[in-house]
Amino acid sequence: MTDDAYADLADDVAAATLSVSGVAALHGGEFGEIATYLPGRKVLGVRIDAERCDVHISARYPSDVNGVARGVHASVSPLVPVPVSVTVEDVIAGDTGEHS
């Protein structure tokens, strides 16, 4: 696969992931190691190679974390020709409407 193909695919996976209800953000892992590295940039939270696609996310609280992960998997799997693994790295509280 060419760099351009990986770039398009990584961008498509990121967009599909962020469109899933309950996903707060893509997550780069503890050290930012989960990324697709491209010339001049990287797509944080998405790592694609010839054998697998790893997607790491922060889920929004409150949400069904397992359901969010299943939603990401269902959204991303049709886009890539390799197995997809989804990891929820963090849970981020949404705006409750209360401000101090």
N, C-alpha and C. Protein backbone atom coordinates (compact mmCIF):
# COMPACT_ATOMS: atom_id res chain seq x y z
N MET A 1 0.85 -1.17 0.00
CA MET A 1 0.00 0.00 0.00
C MET A 1 0.89 1.24 0.00
N THR A 2 0.56 2.25 -0.78
CA THR A 2 1.36 3.46 -0.86
C THR A 2 1.09 4.38 0.31
N ASP A 3 1.99 5.36 0.51
CA ASP A 3 1.78 6.34 1.58
C ASP A 3 0.47 7.09 1.38
N ASP A 4 0.15 7.42 0.13
CA ASP A 4 -1.11 8.13 -0.15
C ASP A 4 -2.31 7.27 0.23
N ALA A 5 -2.25 5.97 -0.06
CA ALA A 5 -3.35 5.07 0.29
C ALA A 5 -3.50 4.97 1.80
N TYR A 6 -2.36 4.86 2.53
CA TYR A 6 -2.42 4.82 3.99
C TYR A 6 -2.96 6.13 4.54
N ALA A 7 -2.56 7.25 3.94
CA ALA A 7 -3.03 8.55 4.40
C ALA A 7 -4.54 8.64 4.25
N ASP A 8 -5.05 8.29 3.07
CA ASP A 8 -6.49 8.33 2.84
C ASP A 8 -7.22 7.39 3.79
N LEU A 9 -6.69 6.18 3.95
CA LEU A 9 -7.33 5.19 4.80
C LEU A 9 -7.31 5.64 6.26
N ALA A 10 -6.18 6.15 6.73
CA ALA A 10 -6.08 6.61 8.12
C ALA A 10 -7.06 7.76 8.37
N ASP A 11 -7.15 8.68 7.42
CA ASP A 11 -8.09 9.79 7.56
C ASP A 11 -9.53 9.30 7.56
N ASP A 12 -9.84 8.33 6.70
CA ASP A 12 -11.19 7.76 6.65
C ASP A 12 -11.54 7.04 7.95
N VAL A 13 -10.59 6.28 8.49
CA VAL A 13 -10.81 5.57 9.75
C VAL A 13 -11.02 6.56 10.89
N ALA A 14 -10.21 7.61 10.92
CA ALA A 14 -10.35 8.63 11.97
C ALA A 14 -11.73 9.29 11.89
N ALA A 15 -12.14 9.67 10.69
CA ALA A 15 -13.45 10.32 10.51
C ALA A 15 -14.59 9.39 10.91
N ALA A 16 -14.51 8.13 10.50
CA ALA A 16 -15.55 7.16 10.84
C ALA A 16 -15.61 6.95 12.35
N THR A 17 -14.46 6.90 12.98
CA THR A 17 -14.40 6.70 14.43
C THR A 17 -15.04 7.88 15.16
N LEU A 18 -14.66 9.08 14.76
CA LEU A 18 -15.16 10.27 15.45
C LEU A 18 -16.66 10.50 15.22
N SER A 19 -17.22 9.84 14.20
CA SER A 19 -18.65 10.00 13.94
C SER A 19 -19.51 9.08 14.81
N VAL A 20 -18.89 8.15 15.51
CA VAL A 20 -19.64 7.21 16.35
C VAL A 20 -20.07 7.90 17.65
N SER A 21 -21.34 7.78 17.96
CA SER A 21 -21.88 8.37 19.19
C SER A 21 -21.14 7.79 20.40
N GLY A 22 -20.72 8.67 21.29
CA GLY A 22 -20.01 8.24 22.50
C GLY A 22 -18.51 8.35 22.39
N VAL A 23 -17.97 8.59 21.19
CA VAL A 23 -16.53 8.79 21.04
C VAL A 23 -16.22 10.26 21.31
N ALA A 24 -15.38 10.50 22.31
CA ALA A 24 -14.99 11.87 22.64
C ALA A 24 -13.80 12.32 21.79
N ALA A 25 -12.86 11.39 21.54
CA ALA A 25 -11.65 11.75 20.80
C ALA A 25 -10.88 10.49 20.44
N LEU A 26 -9.96 10.62 19.51
CA LEU A 26 -8.97 9.58 19.26
C LEU A 26 -7.90 9.72 20.34
N HIS A 27 -7.24 8.62 20.69
CA HIS A 27 -6.25 8.63 21.77
C HIS A 27 -4.97 8.00 21.27
N GLY A 28 -3.86 8.66 21.52
CA GLY A 28 -2.57 8.18 21.02
C GLY A 28 -1.88 7.14 21.87
N GLY A 29 -2.51 6.68 22.93
CA GLY A 29 -1.85 5.72 23.81
C GLY A 29 -1.03 6.45 24.87
N GLU A 30 -0.46 5.70 25.77
CA GLU A 30 0.26 6.29 26.90
C GLU A 30 1.40 7.20 26.47
N PHE A 31 2.09 6.83 25.41
CA PHE A 31 3.24 7.61 24.96
C PHE A 31 3.03 8.19 23.57
N GLY A 32 1.81 8.21 23.08
CA GLY A 32 1.53 8.74 21.76
C GLY A 32 1.98 7.82 20.64
N GLU A 33 2.17 6.55 20.98
CA GLU A 33 2.71 5.59 20.02
C GLU A 33 1.67 5.04 19.06
N ILE A 34 0.40 5.25 19.34
CA ILE A 34 -0.64 4.74 18.46
C ILE A 34 -0.94 5.83 17.43
N ALA A 35 -0.37 5.65 16.25
CA ALA A 35 -0.54 6.65 15.20
C ALA A 35 -0.15 6.04 13.86
N THR A 36 -0.70 6.61 12.81
CA THR A 36 -0.24 6.31 11.46
C THR A 36 0.67 7.46 11.07
N TYR A 37 1.94 7.15 10.87
CA TYR A 37 2.93 8.18 10.55
C TYR A 37 3.00 8.36 9.05
N LEU A 38 2.80 9.60 8.63
CA LEU A 38 2.76 9.95 7.23
C LEU A 38 3.76 11.09 6.99
N PRO A 39 4.13 11.32 5.76
CA PRO A 39 5.07 12.42 5.49
C PRO A 39 4.52 13.76 6.00
N GLY A 40 5.19 14.34 6.97
CA GLY A 40 4.83 15.65 7.48
C GLY A 40 3.72 15.68 8.52
N ARG A 41 3.14 14.53 8.84
CA ARG A 41 2.06 14.52 9.83
C ARG A 41 1.81 13.09 10.32
N LYS A 42 0.95 13.00 11.32
CA LYS A 42 0.52 11.69 11.79
C LYS A 42 -0.96 11.76 12.15
N VAL A 43 -1.61 10.60 12.07
CA VAL A 43 -3.01 10.49 12.47
C VAL A 43 -3.00 9.76 13.81
N LEU A 44 -3.14 10.54 14.87
CA LEU A 44 -3.07 10.02 16.23
C LEU A 44 -4.28 9.14 16.53
N GLY A 45 -4.05 8.00 17.17
CA GLY A 45 -5.12 7.10 17.58
C GLY A 45 -5.48 6.04 16.56
N VAL A 46 -4.85 6.09 15.39
CA VAL A 46 -5.11 5.10 14.33
C VAL A 46 -3.76 4.56 13.87
N ARG A 47 -3.61 3.25 13.96
CA ARG A 47 -2.38 2.61 13.48
C ARG A 47 -2.79 1.51 12.50
N ILE A 48 -2.37 1.67 11.25
CA ILE A 48 -2.73 0.73 10.20
C ILE A 48 -1.47 0.20 9.56
N ASP A 49 -1.43 -1.12 9.39
CA ASP A 49 -0.36 -1.72 8.59
C ASP A 49 -0.97 -2.86 7.78
N ALA A 50 -0.14 -3.66 7.18
CA ALA A 50 -0.62 -4.71 6.29
C ALA A 50 -1.35 -5.84 7.03
N GLU A 51 -1.22 -5.89 8.36
CA GLU A 51 -1.80 -6.99 9.12
C GLU A 51 -2.98 -6.63 10.01
N ARG A 52 -3.08 -5.35 10.41
CA ARG A 52 -4.13 -4.97 11.35
C ARG A 52 -4.37 -3.47 11.36
N CYS A 53 -5.50 -3.11 11.96
CA CYS A 53 -5.85 -1.71 12.17
C CYS A 53 -6.20 -1.55 13.64
N ASP A 54 -5.43 -0.74 14.34
CA ASP A 54 -5.68 -0.46 15.75
C ASP A 54 -6.28 0.93 15.87
N VAL A 55 -7.39 1.02 16.60
CA VAL A 55 -8.04 2.30 16.84
C VAL A 55 -8.14 2.47 18.35
N HIS A 56 -7.58 3.56 18.87
CA HIS A 56 -7.62 3.85 20.30
C HIS A 56 -8.42 5.12 20.50
N ILE A 57 -9.36 5.06 21.45
CA ILE A 57 -10.28 6.17 21.65
C ILE A 57 -10.41 6.56 23.12
N SER A 58 -10.95 7.76 23.31
CA SER A 58 -11.49 8.19 24.59
C SER A 58 -13.00 8.19 24.42
N ALA A 59 -13.70 7.53 25.32
CA ALA A 59 -15.16 7.49 25.27
C ALA A 59 -15.72 8.62 26.13
N ARG A 60 -16.89 9.06 25.76
CA ARG A 60 -17.56 10.13 26.50
C ARG A 60 -18.37 9.50 27.65
N TYR A 61 -18.30 10.13 28.83
CA TYR A 61 -19.10 9.70 29.97
C TYR A 61 -20.31 10.60 30.06
N PRO A 62 -21.49 10.12 30.27
CA PRO A 62 -21.82 8.70 30.42
C PRO A 62 -22.09 8.06 29.06
N SER A 63 -21.64 6.87 28.91
CA SER A 63 -21.96 6.08 27.72
C SER A 63 -21.67 4.61 28.04
N ASP A 64 -22.19 3.74 27.21
CA ASP A 64 -21.91 2.31 27.30
C ASP A 64 -20.57 2.09 26.60
N VAL A 65 -19.51 2.01 27.36
CA VAL A 65 -18.15 1.94 26.80
C VAL A 65 -18.02 0.76 25.84
N ASN A 66 -18.53 -0.39 26.22
CA ASN A 66 -18.46 -1.55 25.32
C ASN A 66 -19.27 -1.32 24.05
N GLY A 67 -20.41 -0.68 24.18
CA GLY A 67 -21.24 -0.36 23.03
C GLY A 67 -20.55 0.63 22.09
N VAL A 68 -19.86 1.60 22.67
CA VAL A 68 -19.10 2.57 21.86
C VAL A 68 -18.00 1.84 21.09
N ALA A 69 -17.27 0.96 21.76
CA ALA A 69 -16.20 0.20 21.10
C ALA A 69 -16.77 -0.67 19.97
N ARG A 70 -17.92 -1.30 20.21
CA ARG A 70 -18.56 -2.10 19.16
C ARG A 70 -18.99 -1.22 18.00
N GLY A 71 -19.48 -0.02 18.31
CA GLY A 71 -19.88 0.91 17.26
C GLY A 71 -18.71 1.34 16.40
N VAL A 72 -17.56 1.60 17.03
CA VAL A 72 -16.35 1.96 16.27
C VAL A 72 -15.94 0.79 15.39
N HIS A 73 -15.94 -0.39 15.96
CA HIS A 73 -15.56 -1.58 15.18
C HIS A 73 -16.47 -1.75 13.97
N ALA A 74 -17.77 -1.62 14.17
CA ALA A 74 -18.73 -1.77 13.07
C ALA A 74 -18.56 -0.68 12.03
N SER A 75 -18.19 0.52 12.44
CA SER A 75 -18.02 1.64 11.52
C SER A 75 -16.73 1.53 10.72
N VAL A 76 -15.67 1.04 11.35
CA VAL A 76 -14.34 1.00 10.72
C VAL A 76 -14.12 -0.26 9.89
N SER A 77 -14.62 -1.39 10.34
CA SER A 77 -14.33 -2.67 9.68
C SER A 77 -14.60 -2.68 8.17
N PRO A 78 -15.69 -2.09 7.67
CA PRO A 78 -15.92 -2.11 6.22
C PRO A 78 -14.91 -1.27 5.42
N LEU A 79 -14.17 -0.41 6.11
CA LEU A 79 -13.24 0.49 5.42
C LEU A 79 -11.87 -0.11 5.17
N VAL A 80 -11.50 -1.10 5.99
CA VAL A 80 -10.13 -1.61 5.93
C VAL A 80 -10.10 -3.10 5.59
N PRO A 81 -9.05 -3.54 4.88
CA PRO A 81 -8.97 -4.94 4.47
C PRO A 81 -8.29 -5.85 5.49
N VAL A 82 -8.13 -5.36 6.73
CA VAL A 82 -7.43 -6.13 7.77
C VAL A 82 -8.30 -6.13 9.04
N PRO A 83 -8.02 -7.03 9.98
CA PRO A 83 -8.78 -7.05 11.23
C PRO A 83 -8.64 -5.73 12.00
N VAL A 84 -9.71 -5.33 12.68
CA VAL A 84 -9.75 -4.09 13.43
C VAL A 84 -9.80 -4.40 14.93
N SER A 85 -8.97 -3.70 15.69
CA SER A 85 -8.95 -3.81 17.14
C SER A 85 -9.25 -2.41 17.71
N VAL A 86 -10.21 -2.34 18.62
CA VAL A 86 -10.59 -1.06 19.23
C VAL A 86 -10.24 -1.12 20.72
N THR A 87 -9.53 -0.10 21.19
CA THR A 87 -9.16 0.00 22.60
C THR A 87 -9.69 1.31 23.15
N VAL A 88 -10.40 1.23 24.27
CA VAL A 88 -10.84 2.44 24.96
C VAL A 88 -9.76 2.77 25.98
N GLU A 89 -9.05 3.86 25.75
CA GLU A 89 -7.93 4.27 26.60
C GLU A 89 -8.36 5.12 27.78
N ASP A 90 -9.47 5.85 27.61
CA ASP A 90 -9.87 6.80 28.63
C ASP A 90 -11.38 7.04 28.52
N VAL A 91 -11.94 7.57 29.59
CA VAL A 91 -13.33 8.01 29.61
C VAL A 91 -13.32 9.47 30.04
N ILE A 92 -13.94 10.32 29.23
CA ILE A 92 -13.93 11.75 29.47
C ILE A 92 -15.34 12.21 29.82
N ALA A 93 -15.47 12.94 30.92
CA ALA A 93 -16.76 13.44 31.35
C ALA A 93 -17.25 14.49 30.36
N GLY A 94 -18.51 14.36 29.97
CA GLY A 94 -19.12 15.35 29.09
C GLY A 94 -19.57 16.55 29.89
N ASP A 95 -20.01 17.59 29.22
CA ASP A 95 -20.52 18.78 29.88
C ASP A 95 -21.85 18.43 30.55
N THR A 96 -21.91 18.59 31.86
CA THR A 96 -23.11 18.26 32.62
C THR A 96 -24.07 19.43 32.69
N GLY A 97 -23.64 20.59 32.20
CA GLY A 97 -24.48 21.78 32.29
C GLY A 97 -24.30 22.54 33.59
N GLU A 98 -23.53 21.96 34.53
CA GLU A 98 -23.27 22.62 35.80
C GLU A 98 -21.92 23.31 35.71
N HIS A 99 -21.88 24.55 36.12
CA HIS A 99 -20.63 25.31 36.11
C HIS A 99 -20.42 25.90 37.49
N SER A 100 -19.19 25.84 37.96
CA SER A 100 -18.94 26.38 39.29
C SER A 100 -18.35 27.77 39.22
